[in-house]
Amino acid sequence: MTLSELRTELRELVALAGTAEKPKPDYELPPKHGMAPGHEWVIDYRAHDLYDQTRQWQVLVRDSDDVADCVYIHTPDSMPGDYVCAPTLEARRLAMAILAACDRAEEQSAGVTHLDGRRSRKRRIGDRVT
């Protein structure tokens, strides 16, 4: 196994480790927040200034009865304070579509057409290293 192959494998494992379980919210919304009470997950968009909220994905849920089945999404291209309100069913479908697209993009970049092919490729690589 070459150093390049090892680095590629390590990048793949780190990417998988970051998606293995559901992340906990980054913040509990403070009482003065316009969407409080609730929780927020923040994803930095192409790491840069961590305090520049215009370059972040923000996902919020409100802990109130009138909107308990909605997820609020702020994209890096949204105006400050603008959120898309998505019912939980649509938000789950969006999340699954993003996961599926990520899997597909990773398969394409690795030259593998499906998960079984990826597993067999890893086994072949592993067999060479003895």
C-alpha atoms as a PDB file:
ATOM      1  CA  MET A   1       0.000   0.000   0.000  1.00  0.00           C
ATOM      2  CA  THR A   2       1.430   3.354  -0.988  1.00  0.00           C
ATOM      3  CA  LEU A   3       1.444   6.435   1.217  1.00  0.00           C
ATOM      4  CA  SER A   4      -1.064   8.071  -1.124  1.00  0.00           C
ATOM      5  CA  GLU A   5      -3.451   5.119  -0.820  1.00  0.00           C
ATOM      6  CA  LEU A   6      -3.070   5.204   2.956  1.00  0.00           C
ATOM      7  CA  ARG A   7      -3.870   8.929   3.063  1.00  0.00           C
ATOM      8  CA  THR A   8      -6.947   8.395   0.886  1.00  0.00           C
ATOM      9  CA  GLU A   9      -8.120   5.564   3.125  1.00  0.00           C
ATOM     10  CA  LEU A  10      -7.589   7.702   6.223  1.00  0.00           C
ATOM     11  CA  ARG A  11      -9.610  10.583   4.706  1.00  0.00           C
ATOM     12  CA  GLU A  12     -12.455   8.161   3.946  1.00  0.00           C
ATOM     13  CA  LEU A  13     -12.431   6.785   7.493  1.00  0.00           C
ATOM     14  CA  VAL A  14     -12.440  10.250   9.047  1.00  0.00           C
ATOM     15  CA  ALA A  15     -15.366  11.263   6.823  1.00  0.00           C
ATOM     16  CA  LEU A  16     -17.276   8.145   7.848  1.00  0.00           C
ATOM     17  CA  ALA A  17     -16.507   8.702  11.534  1.00  0.00           C
ATOM     18  CA  GLY A  18     -18.066  12.152  11.352  1.00  0.00           C
ATOM     19  CA  THR A  19     -21.365  10.740  10.079  1.00  0.00           C
ATOM     20  CA  ALA A  20     -21.605   7.551  12.142  1.00  0.00           C
ATOM     21  CA  GLU A  21     -24.031   8.961  14.701  1.00  0.00           C
ATOM     22  CA  LYS A  22     -26.421  11.851  14.986  1.00  0.00           C
ATOM     23  CA  PRO A  23     -24.679  14.990  16.216  1.00  0.00           C
ATOM     24  CA  LYS A  24     -25.834  16.675  19.394  1.00  0.00           C
ATOM     25  CA  PRO A  25     -27.047  20.285  19.111  1.00  0.00           C
ATOM     26  CA  ASP A  26     -24.289  22.884  19.252  1.00  0.00           C
ATOM     27  CA  TYR A  27     -26.410  25.333  21.226  1.00  0.00           C
ATOM     28  CA  GLU A  28     -29.531  25.635  23.283  1.00  0.00           C
ATOM     29  CA  LEU A  29     -31.207  28.808  22.057  1.00  0.00           C
ATOM     30  CA  PRO A  30     -31.000  31.552  24.696  1.00  0.00           C
ATOM     31  CA  PRO A  31     -34.288  33.039  25.959  1.00  0.00           C
ATOM     32  CA  LYS A  32     -33.637  36.317  24.071  1.00  0.00           C
ATOM     33  CA  HIS A  33     -33.300  34.491  20.720  1.00  0.00           C
ATOM     34  CA  GLY A  34     -36.279  35.051  18.414  1.00  0.00           C
ATOM     35  CA  MET A  35     -36.688  31.305  17.859  1.00  0.00           C
ATOM     36  CA  ALA A  36     -36.360  30.285  21.542  1.00  0.00           C
ATOM     37  CA  PRO A  37     -36.937  27.919  23.161  1.00  0.00           C
ATOM     38  CA  GLY A  38     -35.133  25.408  20.987  1.00  0.00           C
ATOM     39  CA  HIS A  39     -31.844  23.912  19.839  1.00  0.00           C
ATOM     40  CA  GLU A  40     -29.390  24.764  17.074  1.00  0.00           C
ATOM     41  CA  TRP A  41     -26.849  22.821  15.027  1.00  0.00           C
ATOM     42  CA  VAL A  42     -24.194  24.900  13.226  1.00  0.00           C
ATOM     43  CA  ILE A  43     -22.132  23.671  10.282  1.00  0.00           C
ATOM     44  CA  ASP A  44     -19.324  25.927   9.086  1.00  0.00           C
ATOM     45  CA  TYR A  45     -19.296  26.409   5.341  1.00  0.00           C
ATOM     46  CA  ARG A  46     -15.788  25.977   3.966  1.00  0.00           C
ATOM     47  CA  ALA A  47     -13.916  26.829   7.162  1.00  0.00           C
ATOM     48  CA  HIS A  48     -12.926  30.442   7.520  1.00  0.00           C
ATOM     49  CA  ASP A  49     -13.876  33.047  10.156  1.00  0.00           C
ATOM     50  CA  LEU A  50     -15.818  31.018  12.745  1.00  0.00           C
ATOM     51  CA  TYR A  51     -17.750  34.078  13.902  1.00  0.00           C
ATOM     52  CA  ASP A  52     -19.024  35.007  10.449  1.00  0.00           C
ATOM     53  CA  GLN A  53     -22.567  33.629  10.704  1.00  0.00           C
ATOM     54  CA  THR A  54     -23.265  34.509   7.095  1.00  0.00           C
ATOM     55  CA  ARG A  55     -21.040  31.573   6.083  1.00  0.00           C
ATOM     56  CA  GLN A  56     -22.735  28.894   8.158  1.00  0.00           C
ATOM     57  CA  TRP A  57     -25.493  26.387   7.775  1.00  0.00           C
ATOM     58  CA  GLN A  58     -27.796  26.633  10.772  1.00  0.00           C
ATOM     59  CA  VAL A  59     -30.456  24.075  11.612  1.00  0.00           C
ATOM     60  CA  LEU A  60     -32.918  24.883  14.380  1.00  0.00           C
ATOM     61  CA  VAL A  61     -35.810  23.189  16.074  1.00  0.00           C
ATOM     62  CA  ARG A  62     -38.188  25.055  18.316  1.00  0.00           C
ATOM     63  CA  ASP A  63     -39.480  23.524  21.513  1.00  0.00           C
ATOM     64  CA  SER A  64     -42.965  24.978  21.274  1.00  0.00           C
ATOM     65  CA  ASP A  65     -46.202  23.123  20.607  1.00  0.00           C
ATOM     66  CA  ASP A  66     -47.289  25.179  17.587  1.00  0.00           C
ATOM     67  CA  VAL A  67     -44.207  24.305  15.492  1.00  0.00           C
ATOM     68  CA  ALA A  68     -42.929  21.114  17.094  1.00  0.00           C
ATOM     69  CA  ASP A  69     -42.958  19.235  13.762  1.00  0.00           C
ATOM     70  CA  CYS A  70     -40.814  21.711  11.800  1.00  0.00           C
ATOM     71  CA  VAL A  71     -37.113  22.237  11.185  1.00  0.00           C
ATOM     72  CA  TYR A  72     -35.708  25.664  10.330  1.00  0.00           C
ATOM     73  CA  ILE A  73     -32.751  25.784   7.930  1.00  0.00           C
ATOM     74  CA  HIS A  74     -30.496  28.768   7.255  1.00  0.00           C
ATOM     75  CA  THR A  75     -28.082  28.394   4.332  1.00  0.00           C
ATOM     76  CA  PRO A  76     -24.782  30.265   3.862  1.00  0.00           C
ATOM     77  CA  ASP A  77     -26.437  32.187   1.010  1.00  0.00           C
ATOM     78  CA  SER A  78     -29.481  33.255   3.049  1.00  0.00           C
ATOM     79  CA  MET A  79     -29.903  36.767   4.364  1.00  0.00           C
ATOM     80  CA  PRO A  80     -29.299  37.096   8.120  1.00  0.00           C
ATOM     81  CA  GLY A  81     -32.354  35.884  10.009  1.00  0.00           C
ATOM     82  CA  ASP A  82     -33.896  34.100   6.989  1.00  0.00           C
ATOM     83  CA  TYR A  83     -34.825  30.471   7.521  1.00  0.00           C
ATOM     84  CA  VAL A  84     -36.599  27.886   5.417  1.00  0.00           C
ATOM     85  CA  CYS A  85     -39.268  26.173   7.479  1.00  0.00           C
ATOM     86  CA  ALA A  86     -39.457  22.491   6.522  1.00  0.00           C
ATOM     87  CA  PRO A  87     -41.876  19.969   7.996  1.00  0.00           C
ATOM     88  CA  THR A  88     -39.934  17.118   9.600  1.00  0.00           C
ATOM     89  CA  LEU A  89     -40.866  14.662   6.824  1.00  0.00           C
ATOM     90  CA  GLU A  90     -39.425  16.962   4.149  1.00  0.00           C
ATOM     91  CA  ALA A  91     -36.350  17.721   6.299  1.00  0.00           C
ATOM     92  CA  ARG A  92     -35.685  13.981   6.734  1.00  0.00           C
ATOM     93  CA  ARG A  93     -36.030  13.403   2.987  1.00  0.00           C
ATOM     94  CA  LEU A  94     -33.595  16.270   2.345  1.00  0.00           C
ATOM     95  CA  ALA A  95     -31.121  14.855   4.880  1.00  0.00           C
ATOM     96  CA  MET A  96     -31.324  11.365   3.325  1.00  0.00           C
ATOM     97  CA  ALA A  97     -30.909  12.795  -0.177  1.00  0.00           C
ATOM     98  CA  ILE A  98     -27.781  14.660   0.961  1.00  0.00           C
ATOM     99  CA  LEU A  99     -26.382  11.463   2.520  1.00  0.00           C
ATOM    100  CA  ALA A 100     -27.126   9.487  -0.644  1.00  0.00           C
ATOM    101  CA  ALA A 101     -25.517  12.168  -2.816  1.00  0.00           C
ATOM    102  CA  CYS A 102     -22.417  12.193  -0.572  1.00  0.00           C
ATOM    103  CA  ASP A 103     -22.163   8.403  -0.856  1.00  0.00           C
ATOM    104  CA  ARG A 104     -22.470   8.629  -4.629  1.00  0.00           C
ATOM    105  CA  ALA A 105     -19.857  11.402  -4.901  1.00  0.00           C
ATOM    106  CA  GLU A 106     -17.419   9.442  -2.721  1.00  0.00           C
ATOM    107  CA  GLU A 107     -18.004   6.281  -4.770  1.00  0.00           C
ATOM    108  CA  GLN A 108     -17.358   8.176  -7.981  1.00  0.00           C
ATOM    109  CA  SER A 109     -14.180   9.786  -6.683  1.00  0.00           C
ATOM    110  CA  ALA A 110     -12.940   6.375  -5.507  1.00  0.00           C
ATOM    111  CA  GLY A 111     -13.906   4.746  -8.805  1.00  0.00           C
ATOM    112  CA  VAL A 112     -16.340   2.377  -7.072  1.00  0.00           C
ATOM    113  CA  THR A 113     -19.896   1.929  -8.292  1.00  0.00           C
ATOM    114  CA  HIS A 114     -21.564   0.705  -5.082  1.00  0.00           C
ATOM    115  CA  LEU A 115     -20.882  -0.182  -1.453  1.00  0.00           C
ATOM    116  CA  ASP A 116     -20.226  -3.884  -2.143  1.00  0.00           C
ATOM    117  CA  GLY A 117     -17.581  -2.903  -4.684  1.00  0.00           C
ATOM    118  CA  ARG A 118     -15.988  -0.598  -2.140  1.00  0.00           C
ATOM    119  CA  ARG A 119     -15.849  -3.394   0.429  1.00  0.00           C
ATOM    120  CA  SER A 120     -14.292  -5.830  -2.033  1.00  0.00           C
ATOM    121  CA  ARG A 121     -11.770  -3.167  -3.107  1.00  0.00           C
ATOM    122  CA  LYS A 122     -10.777  -2.666   0.518  1.00  0.00           C
ATOM    123  CA  ARG A 123     -10.421  -6.425   0.985  1.00  0.00           C
ATOM    124  CA  ARG A 124      -8.178  -6.643  -2.071  1.00  0.00           C
ATOM    125  CA  ILE A 125      -6.030  -3.791  -0.785  1.00  0.00           C
ATOM    126  CA  GLY A 126      -5.945  -5.450   2.626  1.00  0.00           C
ATOM    127  CA  ASP A 127      -4.895  -8.745   1.101  1.00  0.00           C
ATOM    128  CA  ARG A 128      -1.833  -7.123  -0.483  1.00  0.00           C
ATOM    129  CA  VAL A 129      -0.651  -5.855   2.882  1.00  0.00           C
ATOM    130  CA  THR A 130       0.701  -8.863   4.762  1.00  0.00           C
END
